[in-house]
Amino acid sequence: MISTGGTSLIDGTSLRLPFRGWYLPNGADMENNGAMPDIVVDQKPDDEVADNDAQLRAAVMDLMRRLDDEGSTR
């Protein structure tokens, strides 16, 4: 995965150049390698139409579970 920066040229066109890369702690280059999410959530077109955010719901459920787990260890 890389970052690009851009600039406008005098003739009105623009130019973009890569200037930064991202690497995993083990040194693996993330370019052309997607990051695996901690929680995989299927997104369906019907959910978006119904204003149903499955990713947000999964995130809230995970955070609530973590809070419960933390409370049980105190």
PDB file of N, CA and C in Angstrom:
ATOM      1  N   MET A   1       0.854  -1.159   0.000  1.00  0.00           N
ATOM      2  CA  MET A   1       0.000   0.000   0.000  1.00  0.00           C
ATOM      3  C   MET A   1       0.903   1.225   0.000  1.00  0.00           C
ATOM      4  N   ILE A   2       0.565   2.195  -0.821  1.00  0.00           N
ATOM      5  CA  ILE A   2       1.381   3.403  -0.895  1.00  0.00           C
ATOM      6  C   ILE A   2       0.505   4.627  -0.769  1.00  0.00           C
ATOM      7  N   SER A   3       1.128   5.721  -0.449  1.00  0.00           N
ATOM      8  CA  SER A   3       0.485   7.032  -0.451  1.00  0.00           C
ATOM      9  C   SER A   3       0.947   7.766  -1.685  1.00  0.00           C
ATOM     10  N   THR A   4       0.090   8.604  -2.193  1.00  0.00           N
ATOM     11  CA  THR A   4       0.508   9.437  -3.310  1.00  0.00           C
ATOM     12  C   THR A   4       0.263  10.888  -2.967  1.00  0.00           C
ATOM     13  N   GLY A   5       1.038  11.719  -3.568  1.00  0.00           N
ATOM     14  CA  GLY A   5       0.855  13.149  -3.444  1.00  0.00           C
ATOM     15  C   GLY A   5       0.658  13.714  -4.830  1.00  0.00           C
ATOM     16  N   GLY A   6      -0.037  14.801  -4.910  1.00  0.00           N
ATOM     17  CA  GLY A   6      -0.298  15.370  -6.221  1.00  0.00           C
ATOM     18  C   GLY A   6      -0.027  16.856  -6.257  1.00  0.00           C
ATOM     19  N   THR A   7       0.155  17.334  -7.458  1.00  0.00           N
ATOM     20  CA  THR A   7       0.357  18.761  -7.671  1.00  0.00           C
ATOM     21  C   THR A   7      -0.222  19.136  -9.023  1.00  0.00           C
ATOM     22  N   SER A   8      -0.645  20.366  -9.142  1.00  0.00           N
ATOM     23  CA  SER A   8      -1.154  20.866 -10.419  1.00  0.00           C
ATOM     24  C   SER A   8      -0.013  21.483 -11.209  1.00  0.00           C
ATOM     25  N   LEU A   9      -0.022  21.224 -12.490  1.00  0.00           N
ATOM     26  CA  LEU A   9       0.991  21.785 -13.373  1.00  0.00           C
ATOM     27  C   LEU A   9       0.468  23.060 -14.016  1.00  0.00           C
ATOM     28  N   ILE A  10       1.361  23.840 -14.572  1.00  0.00           N
ATOM     29  CA  ILE A  10       1.016  25.145 -15.122  1.00  0.00           C
ATOM     30  C   ILE A  10      -0.010  25.062 -16.257  1.00  0.00           C
ATOM     31  N   ASP A  11      -0.038  23.922 -16.963  1.00  0.00           N
ATOM     32  CA  ASP A  11      -0.988  23.789 -18.077  1.00  0.00           C
ATOM     33  C   ASP A  11      -2.358  23.280 -17.623  1.00  0.00           C
ATOM     34  N   GLY A  12      -2.577  23.159 -16.302  1.00  0.00           N
ATOM     35  CA  GLY A  12      -3.870  22.736 -15.776  1.00  0.00           C
ATOM     36  C   GLY A  12      -3.982  21.241 -15.518  1.00  0.00           C
ATOM     37  N   THR A  13      -3.018  20.467 -15.973  1.00  0.00           N
ATOM     38  CA  THR A  13      -3.033  19.037 -15.686  1.00  0.00           C
ATOM     39  C   THR A  13      -2.492  18.800 -14.284  1.00  0.00           C
ATOM     40  N   SER A  14      -2.602  17.574 -13.827  1.00  0.00           N
ATOM     41  CA  SER A  14      -2.067  17.267 -12.501  1.00  0.00           C
ATOM     42  C   SER A  14      -1.159  16.052 -12.585  1.00  0.00           C
ATOM     43  N   LEU A  15      -0.325  15.935 -11.586  1.00  0.00           N
ATOM     44  CA  LEU A  15       0.659  14.865 -11.520  1.00  0.00           C
ATOM     45  C   LEU A  15       0.586  14.249 -10.136  1.00  0.00           C
ATOM     46  N   ARG A  16       0.526  12.920 -10.067  1.00  0.00           N
ATOM     47  CA  ARG A  16       0.526  12.214  -8.786  1.00  0.00           C
ATOM     48  C   ARG A  16       1.723  11.276  -8.749  1.00  0.00           C
ATOM     49  N   LEU A  17       2.418  11.278  -7.629  1.00  0.00           N
ATOM     50  CA  LEU A  17       3.600  10.431  -7.455  1.00  0.00           C
ATOM     51  C   LEU A  17       3.515   9.689  -6.120  1.00  0.00           C
ATOM     52  N   PRO A  18       3.937   8.433  -6.093  1.00  0.00           N
ATOM     53  CA  PRO A  18       3.984   7.717  -4.812  1.00  0.00           C
ATOM     54  C   PRO A  18       5.109   8.286  -3.950  1.00  0.00           C
ATOM     55  N   PHE A  19       4.862   8.357  -2.639  1.00  0.00           N
ATOM     56  CA  PHE A  19       5.926   8.875  -1.777  1.00  0.00           C
ATOM     57  C   PHE A  19       6.053   8.138  -0.451  1.00  0.00           C
ATOM     58  N   ARG A  20       5.182   7.191  -0.162  1.00  0.00           N
ATOM     59  CA  ARG A  20       5.260   6.523   1.134  1.00  0.00           C
ATOM     60  C   ARG A  20       4.674   5.127   1.001  1.00  0.00           C
ATOM     61  N   GLY A  21       5.221   4.176   1.719  1.00  0.00           N
ATOM     62  CA  GLY A  21       4.674   2.827   1.745  1.00  0.00           C
ATOM     63  C   GLY A  21       4.313   2.429   3.166  1.00  0.00           C
ATOM     64  N   TRP A  22       3.464   1.419   3.292  1.00  0.00           N
ATOM     65  CA  TRP A  22       3.088   0.896   4.602  1.00  0.00           C
ATOM     66  C   TRP A  22       3.537  -0.549   4.710  1.00  0.00           C
ATOM     67  N   TYR A  23       4.056  -0.892   5.873  1.00  0.00           N
ATOM     68  CA  TYR A  23       4.603  -2.223   6.104  1.00  0.00           C
ATOM     69  C   TYR A  23       4.066  -2.784   7.415  1.00  0.00           C
ATOM     70  N   LEU A  24       3.937  -4.093   7.471  1.00  0.00           N
ATOM     71  CA  LEU A  24       3.528  -4.769   8.697  1.00  0.00           C
ATOM     72  C   LEU A  24       4.719  -4.840   9.646  1.00  0.00           C
ATOM     73  N   PRO A  25       4.476  -5.093  10.945  1.00  0.00           N
ATOM     74  CA  PRO A  25       5.590  -5.176  11.895  1.00  0.00           C
ATOM     75  C   PRO A  25       6.674  -6.179  11.486  1.00  0.00           C
ATOM     76  N   ASN A  26       6.292  -7.228  10.740  1.00  0.00           N
ATOM     77  CA  ASN A  26       7.295  -8.209  10.317  1.00  0.00           C
ATOM     78  C   ASN A  26       8.038  -7.778   9.054  1.00  0.00           C
ATOM     79  N   GLY A  27       7.754  -6.565   8.561  1.00  0.00           N
ATOM     80  CA  GLY A  27       8.438  -6.035   7.394  1.00  0.00           C
ATOM     81  C   GLY A  27       7.740  -6.290   6.072  1.00  0.00           C
ATOM     82  N   ALA A  28       6.643  -7.040   6.080  1.00  0.00           N
ATOM     83  CA  ALA A  28       5.923  -7.341   4.838  1.00  0.00           C
ATOM     84  C   ALA A  28       5.300  -6.071   4.262  1.00  0.00           C
ATOM     85  N   ASP A  29       5.480  -5.877   2.975  1.00  0.00           N
ATOM     86  CA  ASP A  29       4.931  -4.725   2.265  1.00  0.00           C
ATOM     87  C   ASP A  29       3.432  -4.933   2.067  1.00  0.00           C
ATOM     88  N   MET A  30       2.622  -3.939   2.398  1.00  0.00           N
ATOM     89  CA  MET A  30       1.177  -4.077   2.261  1.00  0.00           C
ATOM     90  C   MET A  30       0.679  -3.782   0.855  1.00  0.00           C
ATOM     91  N   GLU A  31       1.538  -3.318  -0.034  1.00  0.00           N
ATOM     92  CA  GLU A  31       1.085  -3.048  -1.395  1.00  0.00           C
ATOM     93  C   GLU A  31       0.619  -4.347  -2.042  1.00  0.00           C
ATOM     94  N   ASN A  32      -0.557  -4.295  -2.634  1.00  0.00           N
ATOM     95  CA  ASN A  32      -1.206  -5.449  -3.281  1.00  0.00           C
ATOM     96  C   ASN A  32      -1.559  -6.566  -2.304  1.00  0.00           C
ATOM     97  N   ASN A  33      -1.539  -6.284  -1.020  1.00  0.00           N
ATOM     98  CA  ASN A  33      -1.933  -7.245   0.020  1.00  0.00           C
ATOM     99  C   ASN A  33      -2.874  -6.530   0.978  1.00  0.00           C
ATOM    100  N   GLY A  34      -4.123  -6.883   0.947  1.00  0.00           N
ATOM    101  CA  GLY A  34      -5.082  -6.224   1.830  1.00  0.00           C
ATOM    102  C   GLY A  34      -4.880  -6.614   3.285  1.00  0.00           C
ATOM    103  N   ALA A  35      -5.331  -5.759   4.168  1.00  0.00           N
ATOM    104  CA  ALA A  35      -5.271  -6.047   5.599  1.00  0.00           C
ATOM    105  C   ALA A  35      -6.493  -6.877   5.984  1.00  0.00           C
ATOM    106  N   MET A  36      -6.296  -7.903   6.787  1.00  0.00           N
ATOM    107  CA  MET A  36      -7.394  -8.735   7.250  1.00  0.00           C
ATOM    108  C   MET A  36      -8.047  -8.054   8.451  1.00  0.00           C
ATOM    109  N   PRO A  37      -9.342  -7.797   8.388  1.00  0.00           N
ATOM    110  CA  PRO A  37     -10.006  -7.147   9.522  1.00  0.00           C
ATOM    111  C   PRO A  37     -10.107  -8.095  10.716  1.00  0.00           C
ATOM    112  N   ASP A  38     -10.200  -7.528  11.915  1.00  0.00           N
ATOM    113  CA  ASP A  38     -10.390  -8.340  13.115  1.00  0.00           C
ATOM    114  C   ASP A  38     -11.761  -9.008  13.105  1.00  0.00           C
ATOM    115  N   ILE A  39     -12.748  -8.308  12.580  1.00  0.00           N
ATOM    116  CA  ILE A  39     -14.112  -8.830  12.499  1.00  0.00           C
ATOM    117  C   ILE A  39     -14.572  -8.696  11.055  1.00  0.00           C
ATOM    118  N   VAL A  40     -14.927  -9.804  10.452  1.00  0.00           N
ATOM    119  CA  VAL A  40     -15.420  -9.782   9.073  1.00  0.00           C
ATOM    120  C   VAL A  40     -16.940  -9.636   9.117  1.00  0.00           C
ATOM    121  N   VAL A  41     -17.454  -8.621   8.432  1.00  0.00           N
ATOM    122  CA  VAL A  41     -18.892  -8.355   8.416  1.00  0.00           C
ATOM    123  C   VAL A  41     -19.360  -8.331   6.971  1.00  0.00           C
ATOM    124  N   ASP A  42     -20.314  -9.189   6.664  1.00  0.00           N
ATOM    125  CA  ASP A  42     -20.900  -9.179   5.325  1.00  0.00           C
ATOM    126  C   ASP A  42     -21.766  -7.943   5.165  1.00  0.00           C
ATOM    127  N   GLN A  43     -21.600  -7.255   4.057  1.00  0.00           N
ATOM    128  CA  GLN A  43     -22.421  -6.088   3.757  1.00  0.00           C
ATOM    129  C   GLN A  43     -23.289  -6.418   2.557  1.00  0.00           C
ATOM    130  N   LYS A  44     -24.576  -6.196   2.715  1.00  0.00           N
ATOM    131  CA  LYS A  44     -25.517  -6.475   1.642  1.00  0.00           C
ATOM    132  C   LYS A  44     -26.116  -5.158   1.158  1.00  0.00           C
ATOM    133  N   PRO A  45     -26.371  -5.031  -0.137  1.00  0.00           N
ATOM    134  CA  PRO A  45     -26.958  -3.792  -0.660  1.00  0.00           C
ATOM    135  C   PRO A  45     -28.264  -3.420   0.038  1.00  0.00           C
ATOM    136  N   ASP A  46     -29.069  -4.415   0.395  1.00  0.00           N
ATOM    137  CA  ASP A  46     -30.344  -4.126   1.069  1.00  0.00           C
ATOM    138  C   ASP A  46     -30.133  -3.448   2.416  1.00  0.00           C
ATOM    139  N   ASP A  47     -29.039  -3.786   3.103  1.00  0.00           N
ATOM    140  CA  ASP A  47     -28.756  -3.164   4.396  1.00  0.00           C
ATOM    141  C   ASP A  47     -28.532  -1.666   4.242  1.00  0.00           C
ATOM    142  N   GLU A  48     -27.803  -1.281   3.219  1.00  0.00           N
ATOM    143  CA  GLU A  48     -27.544   0.146   3.015  1.00  0.00           C
ATOM    144  C   GLU A  48     -28.835   0.886   2.701  1.00  0.00           C
ATOM    145  N   VAL A  49     -29.666   0.299   1.863  1.00  0.00           N
ATOM    146  CA  VAL A  49     -30.945   0.925   1.510  1.00  0.00           C
ATOM    147  C   VAL A  49     -31.812   1.089   2.757  1.00  0.00           C
ATOM    148  N   ALA A  50     -31.769   0.102   3.658  1.00  0.00           N
ATOM    149  CA  ALA A  50     -32.578   0.131   4.878  1.00  0.00           C
ATOM    150  C   ALA A  50     -31.906   0.912   6.002  1.00  0.00           C
ATOM    151  N   ASP A  51     -30.775   1.574   5.706  1.00  0.00           N
ATOM    152  CA  ASP A  51     -30.014   2.322   6.709  1.00  0.00           C
ATOM    153  C   ASP A  51     -29.624   1.413   7.880  1.00  0.00           C
ATOM    154  N   ASN A  52     -29.233   0.196   7.561  1.00  0.00           N
ATOM    155  CA  ASN A  52     -28.823  -0.798   8.542  1.00  0.00           C
ATOM    156  C   ASN A  52     -27.310  -0.972   8.429  1.00  0.00           C
ATOM    157  N   ASP A  53     -26.562  -0.434   9.383  1.00  0.00           N
ATOM    158  CA  ASP A  53     -25.101  -0.468   9.335  1.00  0.00           C
ATOM    159  C   ASP A  53     -24.582  -1.688  10.091  1.00  0.00           C
ATOM    160  N   ALA A  54     -24.377  -2.775   9.363  1.00  0.00           N
ATOM    161  CA  ALA A  54     -23.933  -4.029   9.977  1.00  0.00           C
ATOM    162  C   ALA A  54     -22.542  -3.894  10.589  1.00  0.00           C
ATOM    163  N   GLN A  55     -21.672  -3.098   9.977  1.00  0.00           N
ATOM    164  CA  GLN A  55     -20.324  -2.921  10.525  1.00  0.00           C
ATOM    165  C   GLN A  55     -20.374  -2.180  11.854  1.00  0.00           C
ATOM    166  N   LEU A  56     -21.184  -1.136  11.926  1.00  0.00           N
ATOM    167  CA  LEU A  56     -21.308  -0.389  13.179  1.00  0.00           C
ATOM    168  C   LEU A  56     -21.893  -1.282  14.267  1.00  0.00           C
ATOM    169  N   ARG A  57     -22.936  -2.032  13.938  1.00  0.00           N
ATOM    170  CA  ARG A  57     -23.558  -2.924  14.913  1.00  0.00           C
ATOM    171  C   ARG A  57     -22.541  -3.959  15.423  1.00  0.00           C
ATOM    172  N   ALA A  58     -21.749  -4.540  14.530  1.00  0.00           N
ATOM    173  CA  ALA A  58     -20.740  -5.524  14.935  1.00  0.00           C
ATOM    174  C   ALA A  58     -19.676  -4.875  15.820  1.00  0.00           C
ATOM    175  N   ALA A  59     -19.280  -3.653  15.496  1.00  0.00           N
ATOM    176  CA  ALA A  59     -18.273  -2.951  16.301  1.00  0.00           C
ATOM    177  C   ALA A  59     -18.797  -2.669  17.703  1.00  0.00           C
ATOM    178  N   VAL A  60     -20.044  -2.204  17.798  1.00  0.00           N
ATOM    179  CA  VAL A  60     -20.635  -1.915  19.110  1.00  0.00           C
ATOM    180  C   VAL A  60     -20.753  -3.202  19.927  1.00  0.00           C
ATOM    181  N   MET A  61     -21.202  -4.281  19.296  1.00  0.00           N
ATOM    182  CA  MET A  61     -21.325  -5.560  20.009  1.00  0.00           C
ATOM    183  C   MET A  61     -19.961  -6.033  20.509  1.00  0.00           C
ATOM    184  N   ASP A  62     -18.920  -5.877  19.692  1.00  0.00           N
ATOM    185  CA  ASP A  62     -17.580  -6.287  20.102  1.00  0.00           C
ATOM    186  C   ASP A  62     -17.087  -5.441  21.273  1.00  0.00           C
ATOM    187  N   LEU A  63     -17.301  -4.135  21.199  1.00  0.00           N
ATOM    188  CA  LEU A  63     -16.868  -3.261  22.297  1.00  0.00           C
ATOM    189  C   LEU A  63     -17.627  -3.567  23.583  1.00  0.00           C
ATOM    190  N   MET A  64     -18.933  -3.824  23.470  1.00  0.00           N
ATOM    191  CA  MET A  64     -19.717  -4.163  24.660  1.00  0.00           C
ATOM    192  C   MET A  64     -19.212  -5.480  25.271  1.00  0.00           C
ATOM    193  N   ARG A  65     -18.885  -6.459  24.422  1.00  0.00           N
ATOM    194  CA  ARG A  65     -18.352  -7.727  24.908  1.00  0.00           C
ATOM    195  C   ARG A  65     -17.020  -7.496  25.630  1.00  0.00           C
ATOM    196  N   ARG A  66     -16.180  -6.632  25.045  1.00  0.00           N
ATOM    197  CA  ARG A  66     -14.880  -6.351  25.676  1.00  0.00           C
ATOM    198  C   ARG A  66     -15.058  -5.668  27.024  1.00  0.00           C
ATOM    199  N   LEU A  67     -16.025  -4.752  27.105  1.00  0.00           N
ATOM    200  CA  LEU A  67     -16.293  -4.084  28.382  1.00  0.00           C
ATOM    201  C   LEU A  67     -16.790  -5.085  29.417  1.00  0.00           C
ATOM    202  N   ASP A  68     -17.667  -5.999  29.008  1.00  0.00           N
ATOM    203  CA  ASP A  68     -18.147  -7.037  29.925  1.00  0.00           C
ATOM    204  C   ASP A  68     -16.991  -7.904  30.395  1.00  0.00           C
ATOM    205  N   ASP A  69     -16.110  -8.288  29.463  1.00  0.00           N
ATOM    206  CA  ASP A  69     -14.951  -9.114  29.815  1.00  0.00           C
ATOM    207  C   ASP A  69     -14.045  -8.391  30.800  1.00  0.00           C
ATOM    208  N   GLU A  70     -13.840  -7.089  30.586  1.00  0.00           N
ATOM    209  CA  GLU A  70     -12.994  -6.301  31.482  1.00  0.00           C
ATOM    210  C   GLU A  70     -13.609  -6.219  32.863  1.00  0.00           C
ATOM    211  N   GLY A  71     -14.921  -6.008  32.914  1.00  0.00           N
ATOM    212  CA  GLY A  71     -15.612  -5.906  34.197  1.00  0.00           C
ATOM    213  C   GLY A  71     -15.564  -7.195  34.989  1.00  0.00           C
ATOM    214  N   SER A  72     -15.549  -8.325  34.302  1.00  0.00           N
ATOM    215  CA  SER A  72     -15.535  -9.610  35.006  1.00  0.00           C
ATOM    216  C   SER A  72     -14.158  -9.947  35.559  1.00  0.00           C
ATOM    217  N   THR A  73     -13.118  -9.253  35.111  1.00  0.00           N
ATOM    218  CA  THR A  73     -11.765  -9.530  35.608  1.00  0.00           C
ATOM    219  C   THR A  73     -11.372  -8.592  36.733  1.00  0.00           C
ATOM    220  N   ARG A  74     -12.232  -7.671  37.086  1.00  0.00           N
ATOM    221  CA  ARG A  74     -11.890  -6.712  38.150  1.00  0.00           C
ATOM    222  C   ARG A  74     -12.404  -7.171  39.473  1.00  0.00           C
TER     223      ARG A  74
END
